[in-house]
């Protein structure tokens, strides 16, 4: 059978970085094996449903370049791909489990369940469902059960966990063995006729012919329940691979308390999709130990689940920033100019023409990791300095330098205002006055940019242009004097 994998998020908000990695690994595995990548929306927990989240998930996947073969809005033989549209299917298979003795009806009220948990907690016992001391088909006569059903008494359908132990093989973790004593009689179908994750997940994976279940480590404890369901239905099991947790630098689980966790946050901050994909792909896996930068096709060609680490992967934001800088420097200038236009529009900064922006990009692309940093560190490329760095001003300016600068001003009135010609002229001026070049460069930077650091001074002057540079020097002199 050809490889078929799925990404099955819940529409509870934005796409979490951990969810993105799960989607990416499924996508890479499918493409590497010439298989199919399916998007399935698991929206049976209606209390957590967020309006518009499905569209946001799909748009987020498209933005990073992950295209699904089957899913909402696409043709496929195994739809619908939204679980709330498959309720009759789950009810049918829940009834099969009832008839075969692998499941039972339970009529406990929420208050009775809470009282049970309290009783077990006080006795220092595990708070699993106490099947033999609660109100269910295993402790009631069939007559009483029928009477409750006929009255319309709400009930849930629970999985009847067998005795013994559950064994399964995980591609990343090897053999896993769990005692059935540790597994709860999981609710499969709730009283509102909606399935829980466990029933819907197994039924859909089987009906959609999923061959490999690749998901986060947090689902590892649920897998024994799923194995029991596969056995109950006498279905062939898919292969399982549980991905390591994503961790903060302090090795705690990645959470919003320590930084952004939603893909949308990183999109808004100006990260390149190539940087995000490259970075996320290496969270727990690396094709080789001597490289950090990979194209999407290289990731596809190299992907191997057996090389995914068991231990948690640290989310290093500094590494992501470094990667973003790499992709910025290697991007087409046309793309960067469009991004810079958007940034300038948002902060209401003007520029003379598009050609000017190309020159600005060329001047600063090696100095930043994000396009939005250009107007932050070099606002003087779009406005005359409104103020001058105090310490830099005190160190590199006093009235005694005024005659020298006025003399230099005349030397700058040249027709060929290119950085090479500027450099040659200023060097010649310094030799003529018997002064060091830095004695002129620092005052020039101060007067023209107002800052103590930036791109090469003569390159900056060339981009700003002769008239603008002279105006700024005159403005400085007038404001200081």
Protein backbone atom coordinates (compact mmCIF):
# COMPACT_ATOMS: atom_id res chain seq x y z
CA UNK A 1 0.00 0.00 0.00
CA UNK A 2 1.32 3.47 -0.84
CA UNK A 3 2.16 5.81 2.03
CA UNK A 4 -0.72 7.92 3.35
CA UNK A 5 -0.22 10.28 6.28
CA UNK A 6 -2.37 12.95 7.85
CA UNK A 7 -2.14 16.15 9.86
CA UNK A 8 -5.21 16.37 12.07
CA UNK A 9 -5.33 19.65 14.03
CA UNK A 10 -8.19 20.93 16.14
CA UNK A 11 -9.57 24.34 15.08
CA UNK A 12 -8.88 25.98 18.43
CA UNK A 13 -7.03 29.09 17.24
CA UNK A 14 -3.74 29.69 15.51
CA UNK A 15 -1.28 27.09 14.23
CA UNK A 16 1.15 26.23 17.04
CA UNK A 17 4.81 25.84 16.10
CA UNK A 18 4.61 22.27 17.40
CA UNK A 19 1.64 21.64 15.12
CA UNK A 20 3.59 23.11 12.22
CA UNK A 21 6.45 20.67 12.87
CA UNK A 22 3.98 17.76 12.95
CA UNK A 23 2.47 18.91 9.66
CA UNK A 24 5.92 19.41 8.13
CA UNK A 25 7.22 15.98 9.14
CA UNK A 26 4.09 14.32 7.74
CA UNK A 27 4.50 16.33 4.54
CA UNK A 28 8.22 15.50 4.20
CA UNK A 29 7.55 11.81 4.84
CA UNK A 30 4.76 11.71 2.27
CA UNK A 31 6.76 13.49 -0.42
CA UNK A 32 9.90 11.45 0.28
CA UNK A 33 7.90 8.24 -0.21
CA UNK A 34 5.76 9.49 -3.13
CA UNK A 35 2.72 9.21 -0.87
CA UNK A 36 -0.28 11.34 0.02
CA UNK A 37 -0.56 14.04 2.68
CA UNK A 38 -4.08 14.50 4.08
CA UNK A 39 -5.43 17.40 6.13
CA UNK A 40 -8.22 16.38 8.52
CA UNK A 41 -9.93 18.77 10.91
CA UNK A 42 -10.72 17.24 14.30
CA UNK A 43 -13.43 19.53 15.60
CA UNK A 44 -15.49 17.20 17.78
CA UNK A 45 -14.64 19.11 20.96
CA UNK A 46 -17.11 21.91 20.31
CA UNK A 47 -16.25 23.74 23.53
CA UNK A 48 -12.82 24.59 22.08
CA UNK A 49 -13.93 25.43 18.54
CA UNK A 50 -12.86 28.89 17.31
CA UNK A 51 -14.68 30.51 14.41
CA UNK A 52 -12.43 31.00 11.40
CA UNK A 53 -9.70 28.70 12.76
CA UNK A 54 -10.06 26.17 9.91
CA UNK A 55 -9.47 28.84 7.26
CA UNK A 56 -6.54 30.16 9.29
CA UNK A 57 -4.96 26.70 9.51
CA UNK A 58 -5.27 26.16 5.77
CA UNK A 59 -3.88 29.62 4.97
CA UNK A 60 -0.96 29.08 7.35
CA UNK A 61 -0.01 25.80 5.69
CA UNK A 62 -0.22 27.43 2.27
CA UNK A 63 1.97 30.31 3.44
CA UNK A 64 4.83 28.00 4.41
CA UNK A 65 4.43 25.95 1.24
CA UNK A 66 2.85 22.80 2.70
CA UNK A 67 0.21 21.68 0.22
CA UNK A 68 -2.16 18.85 1.19
CA UNK A 69 -3.41 16.31 -1.35
CA UNK A 70 -6.76 15.64 0.30
CA UNK A 71 -8.71 17.70 2.80
CA UNK A 72 -11.31 20.43 3.23
CA UNK A 73 -12.05 22.09 -0.09
CA UNK A 74 -10.22 19.43 -2.11
CA UNK A 75 -11.50 16.33 -3.84
CA UNK A 76 -10.75 13.00 -2.19
CA UNK A 77 -12.20 9.53 -1.96
CA UNK A 78 -12.42 9.48 1.83
CA UNK A 79 -14.22 12.70 2.79
CA UNK A 80 -15.69 14.59 4.37
CA UNK A 81 -12.45 15.67 6.03
CA UNK A 82 -14.07 17.62 8.88
CA UNK A 83 -15.05 15.33 11.74
CA UNK A 84 -18.22 17.18 12.74
CA UNK A 85 -19.57 16.17 9.33
CA UNK A 86 -18.93 12.46 10.05
CA UNK A 87 -21.01 11.94 13.22
CA UNK A 88 -23.15 9.12 11.79
CA UNK A 89 -19.98 7.20 10.94
CA UNK A 90 -18.72 7.33 14.52
CA UNK A 91 -22.10 6.36 15.95
CA UNK A 92 -22.16 3.32 13.63
CA UNK A 93 -18.75 2.11 14.80
CA UNK A 94 -19.53 2.83 18.46
CA UNK A 95 -22.55 0.53 18.13
CA UNK A 96 -20.33 -2.17 16.63
CA UNK A 97 -18.16 -1.98 19.75
CA UNK A 98 -21.25 -2.25 21.97
CA UNK A 99 -22.50 -5.30 20.12
CA UNK A 100 -19.11 -7.02 20.26
CA UNK A 101 -18.64 -6.36 23.99
CA UNK A 102 -15.66 -4.04 23.57
CA UNK A 103 -17.65 -1.06 24.88
CA UNK A 104 -20.49 -0.34 27.29
CA UNK A 105 -22.99 2.39 28.13
CA UNK A 106 -22.44 4.41 31.30
CA UNK A 107 -25.22 6.55 32.80
CA UNK A 108 -23.26 8.42 35.49
CA UNK A 109 -24.02 12.10 35.93
CA UNK A 110 -21.15 14.65 36.02
CA UNK A 111 -21.75 15.00 39.76
CA UNK A 112 -21.41 11.24 40.26
CA UNK A 113 -18.18 11.19 38.26
CA UNK A 114 -16.80 14.03 40.38
CA UNK A 115 -17.79 12.21 43.57
CA UNK A 116 -16.06 9.04 42.29
CA UNK A 117 -12.85 10.95 41.61
CA UNK A 118 -12.96 12.51 45.06
CA UNK A 119 -13.48 9.09 46.68
CA UNK A 120 -10.59 7.55 44.78
CA UNK A 121 -8.33 10.51 45.51
CA UNK A 122 -9.03 10.29 49.25
CA UNK A 123 -8.19 6.58 49.09
CA UNK A 124 -4.97 7.49 47.26
CA UNK A 125 -6.07 5.44 44.25
CA UNK A 126 -5.78 6.22 40.54
CA UNK A 127 -8.76 8.29 39.38
CA UNK A 128 -9.58 6.01 36.44
CA UNK A 129 -13.24 5.21 35.89
CA UNK A 130 -14.31 2.74 38.58
CA UNK A 131 -16.24 0.50 36.25
CA UNK A 132 -17.55 -2.00 38.87
CA UNK A 133 -18.89 0.60 41.29
CA UNK A 134 -20.60 3.01 38.93
CA UNK A 135 -23.88 3.17 37.00
CA UNK A 136 -23.25 1.30 33.74
CA UNK A 137 -24.20 -1.78 31.75
CA UNK A 138 -21.66 -3.90 33.59
CA UNK A 139 -23.28 -3.30 36.98
CA UNK A 140 -26.96 -3.05 35.97
CA UNK A 141 -29.54 -5.49 34.67
CA UNK A 142 -30.47 -5.29 31.01
CA UNK A 143 -34.00 -4.36 32.08
CA UNK A 144 -32.76 -1.34 34.04
CA UNK A 145 -30.50 -0.34 31.16
CA UNK A 146 -33.40 -0.49 28.68
CA UNK A 147 -35.58 1.51 31.01
CA UNK A 148 -33.01 4.30 31.24
CA UNK A 149 -32.55 4.32 27.47
CA UNK A 150 -36.32 4.48 26.90
CA UNK A 151 -36.56 7.40 29.32
CA UNK A 152 -33.97 9.28 27.28
CA UNK A 153 -31.44 9.27 30.11
CA UNK A 154 -28.14 10.67 28.83
CA UNK A 155 -25.28 8.19 28.61
CA UNK A 156 -21.78 7.86 27.25
CA UNK A 157 -20.17 4.88 25.57
CA UNK A 158 -16.93 3.75 27.21
CA UNK A 159 -14.18 1.46 25.95
CA UNK A 160 -13.89 -1.75 27.97
CA UNK A 161 -10.17 -2.14 28.62
CA UNK A 162 -9.08 -5.80 28.64
CA UNK A 163 -6.63 -7.42 31.04
CA UNK A 164 -3.00 -7.99 30.23
CA UNK A 165 -0.64 -5.57 28.50
CA UNK A 166 -0.43 -3.64 25.25
CA UNK A 167 2.65 -3.80 23.04
CA UNK A 168 3.36 -1.71 19.98
CA UNK A 169 6.37 -0.53 18.02
CA UNK A 170 7.17 3.15 17.61
CA UNK A 171 9.50 4.09 14.75
CA UNK A 172 11.27 6.68 16.93
CA UNK A 173 11.08 5.04 20.37
CA UNK A 174 11.19 1.33 19.62
CA UNK A 175 8.99 -1.17 21.46
CA UNK A 176 6.51 0.25 23.98
CA UNK A 177 4.80 -1.94 26.59
CA UNK A 178 1.94 -0.67 28.78
CA UNK A 179 -0.01 -2.58 31.42
CA UNK A 180 -3.77 -2.48 30.85
CA UNK A 181 -4.13 -1.66 34.56
CA UNK A 182 -2.78 1.81 33.73
CA UNK A 183 -5.38 2.49 31.00
CA UNK A 184 -8.72 4.15 31.72
CA UNK A 185 -12.08 3.01 30.32
CA UNK A 186 -12.02 5.94 27.91
CA UNK A 187 -15.23 7.66 26.84
CA UNK A 188 -15.65 6.98 23.11
CA UNK A 189 -19.00 8.64 22.39
CA UNK A 190 -20.24 11.51 24.54
CA UNK A 191 -23.85 12.07 25.59
CA UNK A 192 -24.22 14.75 22.88
CA UNK A 193 -23.42 12.07 20.24
CA UNK A 194 -20.04 13.61 19.49
CA UNK A 195 -17.09 11.21 19.57
CA UNK A 196 -13.98 11.78 21.62
CA UNK A 197 -10.61 12.08 19.92
CA UNK A 198 -9.85 8.41 20.45
CA UNK A 199 -12.79 6.87 18.59
CA UNK A 200 -12.88 9.45 15.78
CA UNK A 201 -9.12 9.29 15.32
CA UNK A 202 -8.96 5.52 14.94
CA UNK A 203 -12.06 5.24 12.75
CA UNK A 204 -10.90 8.01 10.43
CA UNK A 205 -7.33 6.74 10.19
CA UNK A 206 -8.68 3.32 9.17
CA UNK A 207 -11.30 4.56 6.71
CA UNK A 208 -8.86 7.05 5.17
CA UNK A 209 -6.26 4.24 4.81
CA UNK A 210 -3.60 6.05 6.86
CA UNK A 211 -0.42 3.98 6.85
CA UNK A 212 1.71 6.02 9.27
CA UNK A 213 0.56 8.07 12.26
CA UNK A 214 3.17 10.78 12.90
CA UNK A 215 2.22 12.99 15.83
CA UNK A 216 3.56 14.67 18.97
CA UNK A 217 4.86 12.87 22.03
CA UNK A 218 1.86 14.09 24.05
CA UNK A 219 -0.27 11.48 22.25
CA UNK A 220 1.98 8.57 23.24
CA UNK A 221 -0.10 7.71 26.38
CA UNK A 222 -3.23 7.55 24.20
CA UNK A 223 -1.75 5.06 21.75
CA UNK A 224 -2.48 1.92 23.85
CA UNK A 225 -6.19 2.86 23.79
CA UNK A 226 -5.97 3.18 20.03
CA UNK A 227 -4.24 -0.21 19.76
CA UNK A 228 -7.12 -1.76 21.72
CA UNK A 229 -9.62 -0.17 19.32
CA UNK A 230 -7.76 -1.51 16.28
CA UNK A 231 -7.82 -4.97 17.87
CA UNK A 232 -11.50 -4.63 18.74
CA UNK A 233 -12.38 -3.80 15.14
CA UNK A 234 -9.91 -6.41 13.80
CA UNK A 235 -8.29 -3.70 11.69
CA UNK A 236 -4.70 -3.52 10.52
CA UNK A 237 -2.75 -0.98 12.56
CA UNK A 238 -0.77 1.87 11.02
CA UNK A 239 2.84 2.43 12.00
CA UNK A 240 3.36 4.96 14.78
CA UNK A 241 6.00 7.66 15.27
CA UNK A 242 5.78 10.07 18.21
CA UNK A 243 7.82 13.24 17.82
CA UNK A 244 9.83 14.72 20.73
CA UNK A 245 8.53 17.64 22.71
CA UNK A 246 9.54 21.21 21.85
CA UNK A 247 11.30 22.84 24.79
CA UNK A 248 12.23 26.31 25.98
CA UNK A 249 15.91 26.98 26.64
CA UNK A 250 15.40 26.05 30.31
CA UNK A 251 14.12 22.63 29.09
CA UNK A 252 10.53 23.36 30.14
CA UNK A 253 7.78 22.58 27.64
CA UNK A 254 7.44 25.29 24.99
CA UNK A 255 4.73 27.67 26.11
CA UNK A 256 3.48 31.17 25.44
CA UNK A 257 4.69 32.27 28.88
CA UNK A 258 8.25 32.31 27.54
CA UNK A 259 7.69 33.52 23.99
CA UNK A 260 5.63 33.28 20.84
CA UNK A 261 4.30 29.82 19.98
CA UNK A 262 1.97 30.58 17.06
CA UNK A 263 3.16 30.59 13.45
CA UNK A 264 1.17 33.77 12.83
CA UNK A 265 3.31 35.62 15.38
CA UNK A 266 6.43 34.82 13.37
CA UNK A 267 4.77 35.76 10.09
CA UNK A 268 3.82 39.16 11.52
CA UNK A 269 7.38 39.70 12.75
CA UNK A 270 8.72 39.36 9.24
CA UNK A 271 10.30 35.92 9.23
CA UNK A 272 10.86 34.30 5.85
CA UNK A 273 8.88 31.11 5.28
CA UNK A 274 12.08 29.39 4.12
CA UNK A 275 13.74 30.21 7.45
CA UNK A 276 10.79 28.93 9.45
CA UNK A 277 10.58 25.67 7.48
CA UNK A 278 14.34 25.13 7.68
CA UNK A 279 14.40 25.86 11.42
CA UNK A 280 11.33 23.81 12.34
CA UNK A 281 12.53 20.84 10.27
CA UNK A 282 15.70 20.66 12.40
CA UNK A 283 13.84 20.62 15.72
CA UNK A 284 14.63 17.03 16.59
CA UNK A 285 16.11 15.88 13.29
CA UNK A 286 19.03 16.75 11.04
CA UNK A 287 19.98 15.04 7.76
CA UNK A 288 23.65 15.47 8.65
CA UNK A 289 25.66 16.98 11.43
CA UNK A 290 27.62 19.47 9.37
CA UNK A 291 24.91 21.64 7.79
CA UNK A 292 22.20 24.01 8.96
CA UNK A 293 20.73 25.38 5.73
CA UNK A 294 18.48 23.20 3.56
CA UNK A 295 15.98 23.87 0.83
CA UNK A 296 12.56 22.28 1.11
CA UNK A 297 13.45 19.81 -1.64
CA UNK A 298 16.65 18.83 0.19
CA UNK A 299 14.61 18.21 3.33
CA UNK A 300 12.21 16.02 1.35
CA UNK A 301 15.06 14.07 -0.25
CA UNK A 302 16.76 13.43 3.10
CA UNK A 303 13.84 12.88 5.47
CA UNK A 304 14.03 9.75 7.62
CA UNK A 305 11.82 9.17 10.67
CA UNK A 306 14.37 6.75 12.09
CA UNK A 307 16.80 9.65 12.54
CA UNK A 308 14.38 11.73 14.62
CA UNK A 309 15.63 12.13 18.20
CA UNK A 310 13.73 10.81 21.22
CA UNK A 311 14.79 13.67 23.49
CA UNK A 312 13.10 17.06 23.47
CA UNK A 313 14.19 19.69 20.95
CA UNK A 314 15.14 23.15 22.24
CA UNK A 315 13.49 26.07 20.44
CA UNK A 316 16.42 28.47 20.04
CA UNK A 317 15.06 31.80 18.82
CA UNK A 318 18.59 33.13 18.20
CA UNK A 319 19.21 30.32 15.75
CA UNK A 320 15.94 31.10 13.98
CA UNK A 321 16.96 34.78 13.74
CA UNK A 322 20.34 33.75 12.30
CA UNK A 323 18.60 31.60 9.69
CA UNK A 324 16.27 34.46 8.82
CA UNK A 325 19.27 36.70 8.24
CA UNK A 326 20.77 34.07 5.96
CA UNK A 327 17.63 33.85 3.85
CA UNK A 328 17.34 37.64 3.77
CA UNK A 329 20.87 37.99 2.42
CA UNK A 330 20.21 35.34 -0.23
CA UNK A 331 16.79 36.62 -1.31
CA UNK A 332 16.11 38.38 -4.58
CA UNK A 333 16.32 42.15 -4.07
CA UNK A 334 12.91 42.53 -5.73
CA UNK A 335 11.34 40.52 -2.90
CA UNK A 336 13.17 42.56 -0.28
CA UNK A 337 12.13 45.85 -1.85
CA UNK A 338 8.47 44.82 -1.75
CA UNK A 339 8.83 43.86 1.91
CA UNK A 340 10.55 47.17 2.66
CA UNK A 341 7.74 49.05 0.92
CA UNK A 342 5.20 47.36 3.20
CA UNK A 343 7.24 48.23 6.29
CA UNK A 344 7.64 51.87 5.29
CA UNK A 345 3.95 52.18 4.52
CA UNK A 346 3.03 50.80 7.95
CA UNK A 347 5.22 53.33 9.76
CA UNK A 348 4.46 56.22 7.38
CA UNK A 349 7.98 56.80 6.05
CA UNK A 350 8.41 58.10 2.51
CA UNK A 351 11.14 57.48 -0.06
CA UNK A 352 12.00 59.21 -3.36
CA UNK A 353 11.48 56.25 -5.71
CA UNK A 354 11.75 52.47 -5.99
CA UNK A 355 15.30 52.62 -7.31
CA UNK A 356 16.30 54.32 -4.07
CA UNK A 357 14.95 51.35 -2.09
CA UNK A 358 17.10 48.93 -4.12
CA UNK A 359 20.13 50.97 -3.11
CA UNK A 360 19.07 50.95 0.55
CA UNK A 361 18.58 47.18 0.46
CA UNK A 362 22.02 46.70 -1.08
CA UNK A 363 23.50 48.89 1.63
CA UNK A 364 21.92 47.13 4.63
CA UNK A 365 20.95 43.54 3.73
CA UNK A 366 24.18 42.18 5.21
CA UNK A 367 23.62 44.09 8.44
CA UNK A 368 20.13 42.99 9.45
CA UNK A 369 18.14 39.81 10.04
CA UNK A 370 14.76 41.41 9.27
CA UNK A 371 13.68 44.00 6.74
CA UNK A 372 11.85 45.99 9.43
CA UNK A 373 15.21 46.55 11.15
CA UNK A 374 16.41 48.82 8.32
CA UNK A 375 14.26 51.85 9.23
CA UNK A 376 14.87 51.06 12.90
CA UNK A 377 18.66 51.28 12.70
CA UNK A 378 18.83 53.64 9.72
CA UNK A 379 15.87 55.97 9.93
CA UNK A 380 18.23 58.62 8.57
CA UNK A 381 17.91 56.99 5.14
CA UNK A 382 14.31 58.28 5.06
CA UNK A 383 14.47 61.45 7.17
CA UNK A 384 17.08 64.06 8.08
CA UNK A 385 18.34 63.47 11.63
CA UNK A 386 16.10 65.16 14.18
CA UNK A 387 18.73 64.74 16.88
CA UNK A 388 22.34 63.63 17.29
CA UNK A 389 23.72 60.95 19.60
CA UNK A 390 24.91 62.89 22.63
CA UNK A 391 28.12 60.99 23.43
CA UNK A 392 29.11 60.82 19.78
CA UNK A 393 28.45 64.54 19.41
CA UNK A 394 30.56 65.43 22.46
CA UNK A 395 33.43 63.20 21.32
CA UNK A 396 33.63 64.23 17.67
CA UNK A 397 32.50 67.83 17.50
CA UNK A 398 33.68 71.18 18.78
CA UNK A 399 33.81 74.68 17.28
CA UNK A 400 37.43 74.31 16.27
CA UNK A 401 36.40 71.82 13.56
CA UNK A 402 34.04 74.27 11.86
CA UNK A 403 36.60 75.81 9.45
CA UNK A 404 37.79 72.33 8.46
CA UNK A 405 34.21 71.16 7.72
CA UNK A 406 33.38 74.33 5.77
CA UNK A 407 36.50 73.73 3.70
CA UNK A 408 35.51 70.08 3.17
CA UNK A 409 32.02 71.15 2.16
CA UNK A 410 33.39 72.77 -0.97
CA UNK A 411 35.31 69.59 -1.82
CA UNK A 412 32.06 67.60 -1.70
CA UNK A 413 30.47 69.65 -4.45
CA UNK A 414 31.65 67.23 -7.11
CA UNK A 415 29.72 65.94 -10.10
CA UNK A 416 30.77 62.29 -9.64
CA UNK A 417 29.24 61.68 -6.20
CA UNK A 418 30.11 57.96 -6.01
CA UNK A 419 31.62 56.28 -2.99
CA UNK A 420 34.95 55.60 -4.73
CA UNK A 421 35.29 59.19 -5.88
CA UNK A 422 34.15 60.49 -2.49
CA UNK A 423 36.68 58.33 -0.72
CA UNK A 424 39.52 59.47 -2.98
CA UNK A 425 38.60 63.14 -2.59
CA UNK A 426 38.28 62.96 1.19
CA UNK A 427 41.56 61.03 1.50
CA UNK A 428 43.29 63.67 -0.62
CA UNK A 429 41.74 66.39 1.56
CA UNK A 430 43.06 64.66 4.71
CA UNK A 431 46.55 64.36 3.26
CA UNK A 432 46.43 68.04 2.29
CA UNK A 433 45.43 69.03 5.84
CA UNK A 434 47.80 66.47 7.42
CA UNK A 435 45.01 64.80 9.42
CA UNK A 436 43.84 61.20 9.79
CA UNK A 437 40.83 59.99 7.82
CA UNK A 438 38.88 59.15 10.99
CA UNK A 439 39.06 62.82 12.01
CA UNK A 440 36.78 63.54 9.04
CA UNK A 441 34.73 60.32 8.86
CA UNK A 442 33.31 60.64 12.38
CA UNK A 443 32.12 64.25 11.99
CA UNK A 444 30.66 63.36 8.57
CA UNK A 445 28.72 60.40 10.03
CA UNK A 446 27.52 62.54 12.89
CA UNK A 447 26.27 65.36 10.65
CA UNK A 448 24.70 63.18 7.97
CA UNK A 449 23.19 60.32 10.04
CA UNK A 450 23.13 61.55 13.64
CA UNK A 451 24.36 58.10 14.71
CA UNK A 452 27.68 56.60 15.75
CA UNK A 453 27.44 53.53 13.53
CA UNK A 454 26.00 52.38 10.24
CA UNK A 455 26.93 51.22 6.78
CA UNK A 456 30.08 52.45 5.04
CA UNK A 457 30.04 56.25 5.17
CA UNK A 458 30.92 56.92 1.54
CA UNK A 459 28.44 54.24 0.35
CA UNK A 460 25.77 55.88 2.53
CA UNK A 461 26.53 59.30 1.10
CA UNK A 462 26.32 57.99 -2.47
CA UNK A 463 22.83 56.57 -1.82
CA UNK A 464 21.61 59.72 -0.07
CA UNK A 465 22.97 61.89 -2.88
CA UNK A 466 25.04 65.04 -3.03
CA UNK A 467 22.29 67.61 -2.40
CA UNK A 468 20.89 65.71 0.58
CA UNK A 469 24.31 65.24 2.18
CA UNK A 470 25.24 68.90 1.78
CA UNK A 471 21.86 70.00 3.16
CA UNK A 472 22.38 67.82 6.22
CA UNK A 473 25.86 69.16 6.85
CA UNK A 474 24.60 72.76 6.60
CA UNK A 475 21.61 71.92 8.84
CA UNK A 476 23.93 70.46 11.45
CA UNK A 477 26.22 73.48 11.41
CA UNK A 478 23.30 75.88 11.72
CA UNK A 479 21.65 73.90 14.53
CA UNK A 480 24.88 73.59 16.50
CA UNK A 481 26.07 77.16 15.98
